[in-house]
Every structure is written in C-alpha cells, then in structure tokens.
C-alpha cells in the first residue's frame, strides 16, 4: 500500500525558514519533518511513498538521493569514483517516488498529477508534509475498509492556542486556559482514499479541502475516523519549536517506532 505526501507548498508563516527550504524539509531533531511522517507510516508497514513536490522540491530529492551517504560512515575512492559504506547506520527499505507537481498547484491538482502512480483497486494513504500525530494507521485503514466509503478523513481536536479572560466590571478576574475539546473537530490531514475519489477533483486549481471534500460529503462518501490522541501541525515557528522540544526531551508522542 502506498502513502501520498503533499509536499509542494510554501511555509509562509515560518518566517525566514520558508525562503530557504520547503516546509516539509524544516527539521525536527536534525531530521526533516517529512522523515518523521514517513517513519510513522513505515512503522505500520508502508514502504512505498509518493511525494508531491513543488516549491524548492529539488531539496527533497537531494535529501533522499544522498540519504545513505549522510547517515553512514563512508570510504571514498576518488580514483575509482566509488563509495563504500563502512558502517551503514540506518537501513530503510523505502521506495520513494518524488514527483514535481508544480510550484503553484493546488492540493487537488497535485493529487491529479500523481494519479497514474496509484493502483486502481487498492486504497492509498494520503497526508500533508507538515503535521505529526500518534495515529494508529492500522486502525485507520481497518475503519476505512469497513466504512466502504471512497474517503476516510481523520477528525481531530485542534490543539488549544489561546486561553480566555474572565472579565467582571471591566476587570480581568481570571485567566482560563482553553482545553482540547472546547471546539469542534477539524480535518486532521491523515486520509485513506480510493483512487475513484480523485474524480471529485475538477481541475489542478482546486484545493482538495474545498469542493472535492464537500462533494464527497454530500454524496455520503466521506467517513470520519475519530482520533483523540496527539496531533500537531507545524504552521508557525512556535509550533515548530514545540515539536522540537518534545523530540529533544524524548517525549515525542508520534515516535511510535523503535
């Protein structure tokens, strides 16, 4: 089974980082966030990945082309133009297709551009290259198969970003922290899709999150897998720093692999 990762957009709220690297290549613990996402899928048996590249996509290609060189001790023979791995510290049996889907293409258009690489009768995982979670992907897949719908979306509670003030007679009397669950669930970005679902995308300028999902819902072809565990997007530098702190303190909930 394949996992598709949408990795072509710009991280416009990541400040200067977004001008020098694509958002999926922003590092958490000296590894790009896309690596963390792929490790999660790999833990659940996914070995084939299709990365929908775009903005500064060559950096994603360079990273994986040179992956073994960068994580291993090497012996280089310049005369023979050869490289010998002395101590290959990490072996990943991944097959990765990195497809240039355009710099300005919308998410729906990116999916259309990799349609030919998908299997007709096998569902595929799909996610964004900027969010982490401790989702049990095996349970997500089982739920999708039992639902018999074209698409299953993971529904999550957004992390609390702002507390509230208790004000009496123009005086702040209390600070109240917002709790998870105070607001409704949102699209958590971890999908299982049938290939037929791509028929709901009309053109390359259409975001997957707009009319395609709305029309799938109207057709009763969109099911929701409820996830109550950890989920965190990396939309801002603050969120990136929060993920970094979790990783450095060995308390990253998404690290389910050994």
Protein backbone atom coordinates (compact mmCIF):
# COMPACT_ATOMS: atom_id res chain seq x y z
CA UNK A 1 0.00 0.00 0.00
CA UNK A 2 1.24 3.47 -0.87
CA UNK A 3 1.32 6.72 1.05
CA UNK A 4 1.00 10.02 -0.79
CA UNK A 5 2.51 13.09 0.87
CA UNK A 6 1.55 16.58 -0.27
CA UNK A 7 4.85 18.44 0.00
CA UNK A 8 4.76 21.23 -2.55
CA UNK A 9 3.52 24.29 -0.69
CA UNK A 10 5.32 27.20 0.93
CA UNK A 11 5.56 27.62 4.69
CA UNK A 12 4.59 31.28 4.60
CA UNK A 13 4.22 31.56 8.39
CA UNK A 14 7.60 30.03 9.16
CA UNK A 15 9.47 33.27 8.63
CA UNK A 16 12.90 33.16 7.05
CA UNK A 17 12.92 29.35 7.04
CA UNK A 18 10.35 29.33 4.23
CA UNK A 19 12.68 31.29 1.95
CA UNK A 20 15.49 28.75 2.12
CA UNK A 21 13.72 25.38 2.27
CA UNK A 22 10.32 23.81 1.57
CA UNK A 23 8.13 23.34 4.62
CA UNK A 24 8.44 19.52 4.68
CA UNK A 25 12.23 19.93 4.94
CA UNK A 26 12.09 22.04 8.11
CA UNK A 27 13.90 19.98 10.73
CA UNK A 28 12.69 18.48 13.98
CA UNK A 29 15.62 16.94 15.83
CA UNK A 30 18.00 17.28 12.87
CA UNK A 31 15.62 15.38 10.59
CA UNK A 32 13.10 17.00 8.24
CA UNK A 33 9.51 16.70 9.36
CA UNK A 34 8.71 14.65 6.26
CA UNK A 35 11.14 11.98 7.53
CA UNK A 36 9.19 11.80 10.82
CA UNK A 37 5.94 11.40 8.88
CA UNK A 38 7.41 8.63 6.73
CA UNK A 39 8.80 6.85 9.79
CA UNK A 40 5.28 6.80 11.24
CA UNK A 41 3.89 5.20 8.08
CA UNK A 42 6.81 2.80 7.87
CA UNK A 43 6.10 1.62 11.41
CA UNK A 44 2.70 0.46 10.17
CA UNK A 45 4.14 -1.39 7.19
CA UNK A 46 4.05 1.25 4.47
CA UNK A 47 7.17 1.11 2.30
CA UNK A 48 6.07 2.89 -0.88
CA UNK A 49 5.83 6.67 -0.87
CA UNK A 50 4.77 9.20 -3.49
CA UNK A 51 5.92 12.70 -2.61
CA UNK A 52 4.13 15.53 -4.42
CA UNK A 53 6.94 18.06 -4.62
CA UNK A 54 6.76 21.68 -5.72
CA UNK A 55 8.36 24.70 -4.09
CA UNK A 56 12.12 24.02 -3.75
CA UNK A 57 11.34 20.38 -4.44
CA UNK A 58 14.92 19.67 -5.50
CA UNK A 59 15.89 19.79 -1.83
CA UNK A 60 13.62 16.83 -1.10
CA UNK A 61 15.20 14.92 -4.00
CA UNK A 62 18.73 15.76 -2.85
CA UNK A 63 17.99 14.68 0.70
CA UNK A 64 16.81 11.20 -0.22
CA UNK A 65 19.29 10.68 -3.07
CA UNK A 66 22.11 11.34 -0.62
CA UNK A 67 20.41 9.75 2.37
CA UNK A 68 22.72 6.76 2.79
CA UNK A 69 25.80 8.95 2.37
CA UNK A 70 24.65 11.35 5.07
CA UNK A 71 23.69 8.81 7.73
CA UNK A 72 26.61 6.39 7.24
CA UNK A 73 30.37 6.33 7.61
CA UNK A 74 31.89 6.13 4.13
CA UNK A 75 35.13 5.32 2.36
CA UNK A 76 35.54 7.33 -0.83
CA UNK A 77 37.89 6.29 -3.65
CA UNK A 78 38.26 9.31 -5.91
CA UNK A 79 40.39 7.38 -8.41
CA UNK A 80 37.68 4.77 -8.95
CA UNK A 81 34.85 7.23 -8.30
CA UNK A 82 33.35 4.81 -5.80
CA UNK A 83 31.81 4.95 -2.33
CA UNK A 84 31.96 2.14 0.21
CA UNK A 85 29.72 2.20 3.25
CA UNK A 86 31.86 1.32 6.25
CA UNK A 87 29.08 1.44 8.78
CA UNK A 88 25.60 1.81 7.35
CA UNK A 89 23.89 3.11 10.46
CA UNK A 90 20.34 3.12 9.17
CA UNK A 91 18.70 0.85 6.63
CA UNK A 92 15.35 1.93 5.25
CA UNK A 93 13.60 -0.31 2.75
CA UNK A 94 11.55 2.52 1.32
CA UNK A 95 10.67 3.08 -2.32
CA UNK A 96 10.18 6.80 -2.88
CA UNK A 97 8.76 8.49 -5.98
CA UNK A 98 9.33 12.25 -5.90
CA UNK A 99 7.11 13.92 -8.49
CA UNK A 100 7.30 17.59 -9.44
CA UNK A 101 3.67 18.70 -9.26
CA UNK A 102 4.36 22.41 -9.78
CA UNK A 103 5.09 25.34 -7.51
CA UNK A 104 1.65 26.97 -7.55
CA UNK A 105 -0.53 23.89 -8.00
CA UNK A 106 -3.36 23.45 -5.50
CA UNK A 107 -3.56 20.29 -3.40
CA UNK A 108 -6.26 18.78 -5.59
CA UNK A 109 -4.15 19.39 -8.67
CA UNK A 110 -1.16 17.73 -7.05
CA UNK A 111 -3.22 14.59 -6.50
CA UNK A 112 -4.32 14.59 -10.14
CA UNK A 113 -0.69 14.78 -11.25
CA UNK A 114 0.25 11.58 -9.45
CA UNK A 115 -2.92 9.67 -10.35
CA UNK A 116 -1.07 7.41 -12.80
CA UNK A 117 1.16 6.11 -10.00
CA UNK A 118 -1.79 4.85 -7.93
CA UNK A 119 -3.21 1.34 -8.04
CA UNK A 120 -6.75 1.02 -9.36
CA UNK A 121 -8.16 -1.39 -6.79
CA UNK A 122 -6.07 -0.60 -3.71
CA UNK A 123 -6.70 2.33 -1.37
CA UNK A 124 -3.85 4.68 -0.54
CA UNK A 125 -2.88 6.74 2.45
CA UNK A 126 -2.61 10.49 1.95
CA UNK A 127 -1.36 13.25 4.22
CA UNK A 128 0.32 16.64 4.31
CA UNK A 129 4.03 17.17 4.79
CA UNK A 130 3.70 19.43 7.82
CA UNK A 131 1.85 17.65 10.60
CA UNK A 132 2.59 14.94 13.17
CA UNK A 133 0.35 12.63 15.17
CA UNK A 134 0.32 9.35 17.06
CA UNK A 135 -2.47 7.95 14.91
CA UNK A 136 -2.77 4.17 14.72
CA UNK A 137 -2.71 3.83 10.95
CA UNK A 138 -3.70 0.17 11.04
CA UNK A 139 -6.92 1.07 12.83
CA UNK A 140 -7.47 3.93 10.39
CA UNK A 141 -7.16 1.55 7.44
CA UNK A 142 -9.44 -1.05 9.02
CA UNK A 143 -12.03 1.64 9.71
CA UNK A 144 -11.85 2.80 6.09
CA UNK A 145 -12.35 -0.69 4.70
CA UNK A 146 -15.35 -1.30 6.96
CA UNK A 147 -16.91 2.04 6.05
CA UNK A 148 -16.91 1.17 2.33
CA UNK A 149 -16.63 4.89 1.50
CA UNK A 150 -14.35 6.50 -1.06
CA UNK A 151 -12.51 8.60 1.51
CA UNK A 152 -11.86 8.41 5.23
CA UNK A 153 -10.68 11.58 6.96
CA UNK A 154 -9.07 11.63 10.38
CA UNK A 155 -11.04 14.05 12.56
CA UNK A 156 -9.10 15.64 15.42
CA UNK A 157 -9.47 18.34 18.01
CA UNK A 158 -7.18 21.30 17.30
CA UNK A 159 -4.54 21.99 19.94
CA UNK A 160 -5.53 24.85 22.24
CA UNK A 161 -3.86 28.05 21.08
CA UNK A 162 -5.48 30.75 23.13
CA UNK A 163 -6.87 30.95 26.62
CA UNK A 164 -9.74 33.22 27.55
CA UNK A 165 -10.24 36.04 30.02
CA UNK A 166 -12.91 36.24 32.69
CA UNK A 167 -13.88 39.91 32.98
CA UNK A 168 -16.10 41.45 35.64
CA UNK A 169 -16.82 45.19 35.74
CA UNK A 170 -14.02 45.84 33.26
CA UNK A 171 -11.51 43.98 35.46
CA UNK A 172 -9.77 40.79 34.46
CA UNK A 173 -10.53 38.42 37.32
CA UNK A 174 -9.29 35.14 35.89
CA UNK A 175 -7.26 33.58 33.10
CA UNK A 176 -8.90 30.46 31.73
CA UNK A 177 -6.88 28.04 29.62
CA UNK A 178 -8.65 26.63 26.61
CA UNK A 179 -8.94 22.85 26.74
CA UNK A 180 -8.85 20.36 23.91
CA UNK A 181 -12.46 19.62 23.04
CA UNK A 182 -13.73 23.14 23.66
CA UNK A 183 -14.11 23.48 19.90
CA UNK A 184 -15.31 21.07 17.24
CA UNK A 185 -13.20 18.56 15.38
CA UNK A 186 -11.26 19.54 12.28
CA UNK A 187 -9.59 17.83 9.33
CA UNK A 188 -6.51 16.13 10.80
CA UNK A 189 -4.91 15.58 7.42
CA UNK A 190 -4.46 11.80 7.59
CA UNK A 191 -6.64 10.22 4.90
CA UNK A 192 -7.31 6.86 3.32
CA UNK A 193 -8.62 7.24 -0.23
CA UNK A 194 -9.83 5.10 -3.06
CA UNK A 195 -8.50 6.10 -6.46
CA UNK A 196 -12.06 6.77 -7.65
CA UNK A 197 -12.23 9.67 -5.20
CA UNK A 198 -9.98 11.70 -7.49
CA UNK A 199 -12.92 12.02 -9.90
CA UNK A 200 -14.27 14.62 -7.49
CA UNK A 201 -11.35 16.93 -8.35
CA UNK A 202 -12.30 19.04 -11.36
CA UNK A 203 -9.01 20.77 -12.18
CA UNK A 204 -5.49 21.48 -10.97
CA UNK A 205 -6.54 24.82 -9.45
CA UNK A 206 -8.88 23.17 -6.97
CA UNK A 207 -7.84 22.60 -3.35
CA UNK A 208 -8.61 19.09 -2.15
CA UNK A 209 -10.01 20.63 1.03
CA UNK A 210 -12.74 22.63 -0.73
CA UNK A 211 -15.24 21.31 -3.28
CA UNK A 212 -13.85 17.76 -3.58
CA UNK A 213 -14.34 17.03 0.13
CA UNK A 214 -17.61 18.98 0.24
CA UNK A 215 -19.00 16.98 -2.68
CA UNK A 216 -17.74 13.70 -1.25
CA UNK A 217 -19.59 14.58 1.94
CA UNK A 218 -22.76 15.47 0.01
CA UNK A 219 -22.52 12.11 -1.76
CA UNK A 220 -22.12 10.36 1.60
CA UNK A 221 -18.71 9.09 0.52
CA UNK A 222 -16.67 10.73 3.29
CA UNK A 223 -16.31 8.96 6.62
CA UNK A 224 -14.63 10.29 9.76
CA UNK A 225 -12.12 8.38 11.87
CA UNK A 226 -12.09 9.98 15.31
CA UNK A 227 -8.61 10.46 16.75
CA UNK A 228 -8.35 11.67 20.34
CA UNK A 229 -4.61 11.41 20.76
CA UNK A 230 -1.72 13.68 19.89
CA UNK A 231 -1.97 15.83 16.76
CA UNK A 232 0.07 18.91 15.96
CA UNK A 233 0.51 20.89 12.73
CA UNK A 234 3.69 22.85 12.06
CA UNK A 235 2.28 26.08 10.69
CA UNK A 236 4.36 28.55 12.70
CA UNK A 237 7.82 28.85 14.21
CA UNK A 238 6.25 28.49 17.64
CA UNK A 239 4.71 25.16 16.69
CA UNK A 240 8.00 24.03 15.18
CA UNK A 241 9.75 24.89 18.45
CA UNK A 242 7.14 22.96 20.44
CA UNK A 243 7.74 19.86 18.31
CA UNK A 244 11.49 20.29 18.66
CA UNK A 245 11.19 20.45 22.44
CA UNK A 246 9.14 17.25 22.53
CA UNK A 247 11.74 15.47 20.41
CA UNK A 248 14.74 16.68 22.41
CA UNK A 249 13.17 15.65 25.71
CA UNK A 250 12.38 12.14 24.41
CA UNK A 251 8.67 12.78 24.85
CA UNK A 252 7.55 12.95 21.21
CA UNK A 253 4.18 11.13 21.07
CA UNK A 254 4.48 10.49 17.33
CA UNK A 255 7.69 8.45 17.78
CA UNK A 256 5.98 5.07 17.88
CA UNK A 257 8.87 3.32 16.13
CA UNK A 258 11.86 1.79 17.93
